[in-house]
Amino acid sequence: MRQPFHGHLQPRAFIAALLPLLPAFVVVLIAVLLGRALALAGLL
């Protein structure tokens, strides 16, 4: 762990692997926020 950048892990491939997960993550985040907002509105 002395040289974290020794032997590049191909950041492009890493980002390309993460890109398909971003929309799903955003959708889940919005769903959770909407669920909390609706729950709070229901409690109020």
Protein backbone atom coordinates (compact mmCIF):
# COMPACT_ATOMS: atom_id res chain seq x y z
CA MET A 1 0.00 0.00 0.00
CA ARG A 2 3.05 2.26 -0.22
CA GLN A 3 2.49 2.97 -3.91
CA PRO A 4 -1.30 3.18 -4.44
CA PHE A 5 -0.79 4.25 -8.07
CA HIS A 6 1.70 1.49 -8.86
CA GLY A 7 0.15 -0.75 -11.51
CA HIS A 8 -2.78 1.29 -12.76
CA LEU A 9 -6.13 -0.45 -12.39
CA GLN A 10 -7.39 1.05 -15.66
CA PRO A 11 -9.59 3.84 -14.26
CA ARG A 12 -11.48 4.01 -17.56
CA ALA A 13 -12.54 0.38 -17.24
CA PHE A 14 -13.44 1.00 -13.58
CA ILE A 15 -15.55 4.04 -14.49
CA ALA A 16 -17.14 2.18 -17.40
CA ALA A 17 -18.11 -0.58 -14.96
CA LEU A 18 -19.61 1.94 -12.52
CA LEU A 19 -21.51 4.02 -15.10
CA PRO A 20 -24.40 1.53 -15.50
CA LEU A 21 -24.88 1.60 -11.72
CA LEU A 22 -25.25 5.38 -11.48
CA PRO A 23 -28.81 5.66 -12.87
CA ALA A 24 -29.99 2.81 -10.62
CA PHE A 25 -28.36 4.49 -7.61
CA VAL A 26 -30.02 7.81 -8.47
CA VAL A 27 -33.42 6.12 -8.89
CA VAL A 28 -33.09 4.37 -5.53
CA LEU A 29 -32.01 7.62 -3.86
CA ILE A 30 -34.99 9.51 -5.30
CA ALA A 31 -37.35 6.69 -4.32
CA VAL A 32 -36.07 6.76 -0.73
CA LEU A 33 -36.35 10.55 -0.53
CA LEU A 34 -39.88 10.49 -1.98
CA GLY A 35 -40.84 7.70 0.41
CA ARG A 36 -39.63 9.71 3.39
CA ALA A 37 -41.37 12.86 2.14
CA LEU A 38 -44.65 10.96 1.68
CA ALA A 39 -44.26 9.32 5.09
CA LEU A 40 -43.67 12.71 6.73
CA ALA A 41 -46.61 14.21 4.84
CA GLY A 42 -48.75 11.27 5.96
CA LEU A 43 -47.68 11.73 9.58
CA LEU A 44 -48.37 15.45 9.39
